[in-house]
Amino acid sequence: MTRCSHDVPLEQPCDACPAEGLAKVTRAHTEKETLSVSVNIPEHAERKTTALFERTRKELIEREGGRCFICNATAAESGHPLEAHHHPIERSLAELIDWDRFKVDAQSCYWGERIKAFDWGNFTDWTQFVDDMTVNGMLLCKAHHIGKDEGIHAMPFPLYIAQKYAKEGYQFSDIEVIHHAI
């Protein structure tokens, strides 16, 4: 049982806490998100796997030690091949991006060293960046890529990233208990 700083169980009111300006603790609870987003995705060619994507996907797996960014699981531990998520620029959104604006942020290190180090001097086509998983890739297990109530494509980013840093064993949702593979 957890107690306040006055050694009173959190389940009971403490007269000293409000006097010290301490707020009451909100108990753990389920938060149901109903997220409805309506955006105009630009017209784009049917997705295809490019040679650049395939080559750099393998490099991403090697660089990340073959482990999911969120739970650190390997393909064997997760039960599925690991997946390369386009991040920060989703492939289906690439044609709406103002690449000159993005390049300014990229070269200022806003998106990190790897994206800053990309060969922006020879950048002529968005596929050069978007399909290069060494700069625009996040390695994920299937659950943390497209899984309901746990995947990056299915939940708000603040909740998504909390999974990476949540305490071991925490019951995150009805379907997920936090487990960080070693």
C-alpha atoms as a PDB file:
ATOM      1  CA  MET A   1       0.000   0.000   0.000  1.00  0.00           C
ATOM      2  CA  THR A   2       1.378   3.417  -0.951  1.00  0.00           C
ATOM      3  CA  ARG A   3       1.370   6.219   1.610  1.00  0.00           C
ATOM      4  CA  CYS A   4       1.628   9.987   1.494  1.00  0.00           C
ATOM      5  CA  SER A   5       4.524  11.855   3.075  1.00  0.00           C
ATOM      6  CA  HIS A   6       2.624  11.850   6.395  1.00  0.00           C
ATOM      7  CA  ASP A   7       2.475   8.045   6.397  1.00  0.00           C
ATOM      8  CA  VAL A   8      -1.279   7.971   5.698  1.00  0.00           C
ATOM      9  CA  PRO A   9      -2.442   5.343   3.172  1.00  0.00           C
ATOM     10  CA  LEU A  10      -3.417   7.015  -0.103  1.00  0.00           C
ATOM     11  CA  GLU A  11      -6.780   5.302   0.131  1.00  0.00           C
ATOM     12  CA  GLN A  12      -7.584   7.453   3.203  1.00  0.00           C
ATOM     13  CA  PRO A  13      -7.856  11.255   3.454  1.00  0.00           C
ATOM     14  CA  CYS A  14      -4.887  13.042   5.008  1.00  0.00           C
ATOM     15  CA  ASP A  15      -5.620  16.320   6.759  1.00  0.00           C
ATOM     16  CA  ALA A  16      -1.995  17.461   6.570  1.00  0.00           C
ATOM     17  CA  CYS A  17      -1.549  17.121   2.786  1.00  0.00           C
ATOM     18  CA  PRO A  18      -4.089  19.801   1.744  1.00  0.00           C
ATOM     19  CA  ALA A  19      -2.712  22.085   4.467  1.00  0.00           C
ATOM     20  CA  GLU A  20       0.685  21.812   2.766  1.00  0.00           C
ATOM     21  CA  GLY A  21      -0.845  22.542  -0.634  1.00  0.00           C
ATOM     22  CA  LEU A  22      -0.520  18.970  -1.852  1.00  0.00           C
ATOM     23  CA  ALA A  23      -3.236  17.806  -4.205  1.00  0.00           C
ATOM     24  CA  LYS A  24      -5.095  14.586  -3.671  1.00  0.00           C
ATOM     25  CA  VAL A  25      -3.734  11.691  -5.670  1.00  0.00           C
ATOM     26  CA  THR A  26      -5.795  10.488  -8.594  1.00  0.00           C
ATOM     27  CA  ARG A  27      -6.054   6.728  -8.431  1.00  0.00           C
ATOM     28  CA  ALA A  28      -4.990   4.608 -11.373  1.00  0.00           C
ATOM     29  CA  HIS A  29      -7.819   4.407 -13.860  1.00  0.00           C
ATOM     30  CA  THR A  30      -8.579   3.398 -17.406  1.00  0.00           C
ATOM     31  CA  GLU A  31      -8.612   6.238 -19.891  1.00  0.00           C
ATOM     32  CA  LYS A  32     -10.591   5.495 -23.022  1.00  0.00           C
ATOM     33  CA  GLU A  33      -9.516   7.547 -26.019  1.00  0.00           C
ATOM     34  CA  THR A  34     -11.920   8.047 -28.874  1.00  0.00           C
ATOM     35  CA  LEU A  35      -9.749   9.526 -31.546  1.00  0.00           C
ATOM     36  CA  SER A  36     -11.362  10.547 -34.772  1.00  0.00           C
ATOM     37  CA  VAL A  37      -9.138  12.360 -37.215  1.00  0.00           C
ATOM     38  CA  SER A  38     -10.143  13.618 -40.608  1.00  0.00           C
ATOM     39  CA  VAL A  39      -7.249  14.741 -42.788  1.00  0.00           C
ATOM     40  CA  ASN A  40      -6.723  14.843 -46.522  1.00  0.00           C
ATOM     41  CA  ILE A  41      -4.019  12.358 -47.468  1.00  0.00           C
ATOM     42  CA  PRO A  42      -2.524  13.417 -50.783  1.00  0.00           C
ATOM     43  CA  GLU A  43      -2.888  11.246 -53.846  1.00  0.00           C
ATOM     44  CA  HIS A  44      -0.002   8.819 -53.953  1.00  0.00           C
ATOM     45  CA  ALA A  45       1.106   5.811 -55.921  1.00  0.00           C
ATOM     46  CA  GLU A  46       0.377   2.392 -54.507  1.00  0.00           C
ATOM     47  CA  ARG A  47       3.013   1.501 -51.956  1.00  0.00           C
ATOM     48  CA  LYS A  48       5.931  -0.474 -53.254  1.00  0.00           C
ATOM     49  CA  THR A  49       8.986  -1.843 -51.556  1.00  0.00           C
ATOM     50  CA  THR A  50      12.049  -0.190 -53.038  1.00  0.00           C
ATOM     51  CA  ALA A  51      15.576  -1.570 -53.157  1.00  0.00           C
ATOM     52  CA  LEU A  52      16.662   1.349 -50.932  1.00  0.00           C
ATOM     53  CA  PHE A  53      14.025   0.417 -48.340  1.00  0.00           C
ATOM     54  CA  GLU A  54      15.024  -3.267 -48.349  1.00  0.00           C
ATOM     55  CA  ARG A  55      18.757  -2.534 -48.047  1.00  0.00           C
ATOM     56  CA  THR A  56      18.414   0.103 -45.329  1.00  0.00           C
ATOM     57  CA  ARG A  57      15.795  -1.924 -43.443  1.00  0.00           C
ATOM     58  CA  LYS A  58      18.442  -4.620 -42.995  1.00  0.00           C
ATOM     59  CA  GLU A  59      20.923  -1.942 -41.873  1.00  0.00           C
ATOM     60  CA  LEU A  60      18.347  -0.605 -39.382  1.00  0.00           C
ATOM     61  CA  ILE A  61      17.823  -4.083 -37.931  1.00  0.00           C
ATOM     62  CA  GLU A  62      21.586  -4.520 -37.595  1.00  0.00           C
ATOM     63  CA  ARG A  63      22.123  -1.071 -36.056  1.00  0.00           C
ATOM     64  CA  GLU A  64      19.287  -1.516 -33.544  1.00  0.00           C
ATOM     65  CA  GLY A  65      20.453  -4.988 -32.568  1.00  0.00           C
ATOM     66  CA  GLY A  66      17.291  -6.528 -33.992  1.00  0.00           C
ATOM     67  CA  ARG A  67      15.138  -5.145 -31.170  1.00  0.00           C
ATOM     68  CA  CYS A  68      11.868  -3.215 -31.028  1.00  0.00           C
ATOM     69  CA  PHE A  69      12.260   0.476 -30.138  1.00  0.00           C
ATOM     70  CA  ILE A  70       9.439   0.260 -27.574  1.00  0.00           C
ATOM     71  CA  CYS A  71       9.710  -3.127 -25.837  1.00  0.00           C
ATOM     72  CA  ASN A  72      13.205  -4.228 -26.900  1.00  0.00           C
ATOM     73  CA  ALA A  73      11.859  -7.595 -28.101  1.00  0.00           C
ATOM     74  CA  THR A  74      13.519  -9.502 -30.913  1.00  0.00           C
ATOM     75  CA  ALA A  75      11.534 -11.033 -33.765  1.00  0.00           C
ATOM     76  CA  ALA A  76      11.714 -14.405 -32.007  1.00  0.00           C
ATOM     77  CA  GLU A  77      10.501 -12.935 -28.708  1.00  0.00           C
ATOM     78  CA  SER A  78       7.631 -11.037 -30.345  1.00  0.00           C
ATOM     79  CA  GLY A  79       6.589 -13.935 -32.559  1.00  0.00           C
ATOM     80  CA  HIS A  80       6.698 -11.853 -35.749  1.00  0.00           C
ATOM     81  CA  PRO A  81       9.346 -10.331 -37.999  1.00  0.00           C
ATOM     82  CA  LEU A  82      10.307  -6.839 -36.853  1.00  0.00           C
ATOM     83  CA  GLU A  83       8.891  -4.031 -38.976  1.00  0.00           C
ATOM     84  CA  ALA A  84      10.455  -0.781 -40.165  1.00  0.00           C
ATOM     85  CA  HIS A  85       8.102   2.132 -39.500  1.00  0.00           C
ATOM     86  CA  HIS A  86       8.628   5.295 -41.559  1.00  0.00           C
ATOM     87  CA  HIS A  87       9.524   7.923 -38.956  1.00  0.00           C
ATOM     88  CA  PRO A  88       9.386  10.884 -38.802  1.00  0.00           C
ATOM     89  CA  ILE A  89       7.947  11.125 -42.337  1.00  0.00           C
ATOM     90  CA  GLU A  90       5.258   8.584 -43.178  1.00  0.00           C
ATOM     91  CA  ARG A  91       5.526   7.384 -46.777  1.00  0.00           C
ATOM     92  CA  SER A  92       1.873   8.102 -47.622  1.00  0.00           C
ATOM     93  CA  LEU A  93       2.363  11.718 -46.496  1.00  0.00           C
ATOM     94  CA  ALA A  94       5.662  12.371 -48.276  1.00  0.00           C
ATOM     95  CA  GLU A  95       4.112  14.228 -51.188  1.00  0.00           C
ATOM     96  CA  LEU A  96       2.492  16.843 -48.936  1.00  0.00           C
ATOM     97  CA  ILE A  97       5.800  17.668 -47.213  1.00  0.00           C
ATOM     98  CA  ASP A  98       7.522  20.956 -47.983  1.00  0.00           C
ATOM     99  CA  TRP A  99      10.957  19.383 -48.257  1.00  0.00           C
ATOM    100  CA  ASP A 100      12.805  22.716 -48.126  1.00  0.00           C
ATOM    101  CA  ARG A 101      11.200  23.422 -44.733  1.00  0.00           C
ATOM    102  CA  PHE A 102      11.939  19.918 -43.494  1.00  0.00           C
ATOM    103  CA  LYS A 103      15.549  20.173 -44.703  1.00  0.00           C
ATOM    104  CA  VAL A 104      16.076  23.351 -42.634  1.00  0.00           C
ATOM    105  CA  ASP A 105      14.964  21.550 -39.464  1.00  0.00           C
ATOM    106  CA  ALA A 106      16.902  18.428 -40.406  1.00  0.00           C
ATOM    107  CA  GLN A 107      20.150  20.319 -40.940  1.00  0.00           C
ATOM    108  CA  SER A 108      19.718  22.168 -37.641  1.00  0.00           C
ATOM    109  CA  CYS A 109      19.653  18.781 -35.869  1.00  0.00           C
ATOM    110  CA  TYR A 110      16.008  19.209 -34.837  1.00  0.00           C
ATOM    111  CA  TRP A 111      15.378  15.576 -35.820  1.00  0.00           C
ATOM    112  CA  GLY A 112      18.692  14.268 -34.476  1.00  0.00           C
ATOM    113  CA  GLU A 113      22.180  13.520 -35.720  1.00  0.00           C
ATOM    114  CA  ARG A 114      21.288  10.744 -38.160  1.00  0.00           C
ATOM    115  CA  ILE A 115      18.836  12.902 -40.078  1.00  0.00           C
ATOM    116  CA  LYS A 116      21.233  15.847 -39.961  1.00  0.00           C
ATOM    117  CA  ALA A 117      23.978  13.634 -41.437  1.00  0.00           C
ATOM    118  CA  PHE A 118      21.777  12.518 -44.363  1.00  0.00           C
ATOM    119  CA  ASP A 119      23.210  13.576 -47.747  1.00  0.00           C
ATOM    120  CA  TRP A 120      21.029  16.656 -48.151  1.00  0.00           C
ATOM    121  CA  GLY A 121      23.436  18.062 -50.753  1.00  0.00           C
ATOM    122  CA  ASN A 122      22.415  15.350 -53.214  1.00  0.00           C
ATOM    123  CA  PHE A 123      18.735  15.238 -52.221  1.00  0.00           C
ATOM    124  CA  THR A 124      16.578  15.432 -55.361  1.00  0.00           C
ATOM    125  CA  ASP A 125      13.605  13.151 -54.658  1.00  0.00           C
ATOM    126  CA  TRP A 126      11.620  12.438 -51.476  1.00  0.00           C
ATOM    127  CA  THR A 127      12.086   8.678 -51.851  1.00  0.00           C
ATOM    128  CA  GLN A 128      15.816   9.136 -51.161  1.00  0.00           C
ATOM    129  CA  PHE A 129      14.976  10.180 -47.609  1.00  0.00           C
ATOM    130  CA  VAL A 130      11.642   8.478 -46.916  1.00  0.00           C
ATOM    131  CA  ASP A 131      12.752   4.995 -47.979  1.00  0.00           C
ATOM    132  CA  ASP A 132      16.126   5.224 -46.223  1.00  0.00           C
ATOM    133  CA  MET A 133      15.352   3.434 -42.976  1.00  0.00           C
ATOM    134  CA  THR A 134      18.733   4.379 -41.494  1.00  0.00           C
ATOM    135  CA  VAL A 135      17.461   7.974 -41.247  1.00  0.00           C
ATOM    136  CA  ASN A 136      13.676   7.659 -41.539  1.00  0.00           C
ATOM    137  CA  GLY A 137      13.085   4.373 -39.799  1.00  0.00           C
ATOM    138  CA  MET A 138      11.977   3.114 -36.411  1.00  0.00           C
ATOM    139  CA  LEU A 139      12.290  -0.625 -35.774  1.00  0.00           C
ATOM    140  CA  LEU A 140       9.154  -2.025 -34.160  1.00  0.00           C
ATOM    141  CA  CYS A 141       7.565  -5.340 -33.317  1.00  0.00           C
ATOM    142  CA  LYS A 142       4.204  -5.907 -34.998  1.00  0.00           C
ATOM    143  CA  ALA A 143       2.255  -5.056 -31.822  1.00  0.00           C
ATOM    144  CA  HIS A 144       3.995  -1.709 -31.355  1.00  0.00           C
ATOM    145  CA  HIS A 145       3.674  -0.914 -35.054  1.00  0.00           C
ATOM    146  CA  ILE A 146       0.041  -1.651 -35.896  1.00  0.00           C
ATOM    147  CA  GLY A 147      -1.432  -3.291 -32.778  1.00  0.00           C
ATOM    148  CA  LYS A 148      -4.758  -2.096 -31.349  1.00  0.00           C
ATOM    149  CA  ASP A 149      -4.250  -0.055 -28.168  1.00  0.00           C
ATOM    150  CA  GLU A 150      -0.452  -0.301 -28.445  1.00  0.00           C
ATOM    151  CA  GLY A 151       0.757   0.473 -31.984  1.00  0.00           C
ATOM    152  CA  ILE A 152       2.077   3.787 -33.272  1.00  0.00           C
ATOM    153  CA  HIS A 153      -0.602   3.767 -35.976  1.00  0.00           C
ATOM    154  CA  ALA A 154      -3.386   3.277 -33.436  1.00  0.00           C
ATOM    155  CA  MET A 155      -2.839   5.688 -30.560  1.00  0.00           C
ATOM    156  CA  PRO A 156      -1.766   9.230 -29.655  1.00  0.00           C
ATOM    157  CA  PHE A 157       2.013   9.625 -29.515  1.00  0.00           C
ATOM    158  CA  PRO A 158       2.216  10.599 -25.812  1.00  0.00           C
ATOM    159  CA  LEU A 159       0.519   7.340 -24.834  1.00  0.00           C
ATOM    160  CA  TYR A 160       2.531   5.404 -27.389  1.00  0.00           C
ATOM    161  CA  ILE A 161       5.930   6.619 -26.162  1.00  0.00           C
ATOM    162  CA  ALA A 162       4.939   6.064 -22.506  1.00  0.00           C
ATOM    163  CA  GLN A 163       5.072   2.325 -23.260  1.00  0.00           C
ATOM    164  CA  LYS A 164       8.811   2.601 -23.855  1.00  0.00           C
ATOM    165  CA  TYR A 165       9.496   4.083 -20.446  1.00  0.00           C
ATOM    166  CA  ALA A 166       6.710   2.566 -18.344  1.00  0.00           C
ATOM    167  CA  LYS A 167       7.627   0.485 -15.317  1.00  0.00           C
ATOM    168  CA  GLU A 168       8.124  -3.239 -15.854  1.00  0.00           C
ATOM    169  CA  GLY A 169       4.927  -5.178 -15.193  1.00  0.00           C
ATOM    170  CA  TYR A 170       2.607  -2.174 -15.407  1.00  0.00           C
ATOM    171  CA  GLN A 171      -0.872  -3.108 -16.744  1.00  0.00           C
ATOM    172  CA  PHE A 172      -0.900  -0.553 -19.567  1.00  0.00           C
ATOM    173  CA  SER A 173      -4.157  -1.661 -21.183  1.00  0.00           C
ATOM    174  CA  ASP A 174      -6.555  -4.581 -21.249  1.00  0.00           C
ATOM    175  CA  ILE A 175      -4.223  -6.324 -23.692  1.00  0.00           C
ATOM    176  CA  GLU A 176      -0.767  -5.160 -22.657  1.00  0.00           C
ATOM    177  CA  VAL A 177       1.351  -5.582 -19.576  1.00  0.00           C
ATOM    178  CA  ILE A 178       4.599  -3.658 -19.953  1.00  0.00           C
ATOM    179  CA  HIS A 179       7.534  -5.959 -20.530  1.00  0.00           C
ATOM    180  CA  HIS A 180      10.963  -4.773 -21.591  1.00  0.00           C
ATOM    181  CA  ALA A 181      12.985  -7.570 -23.115  1.00  0.00           C
ATOM    182  CA  ILE A 182      16.555  -7.651 -21.872  1.00  0.00           C
END
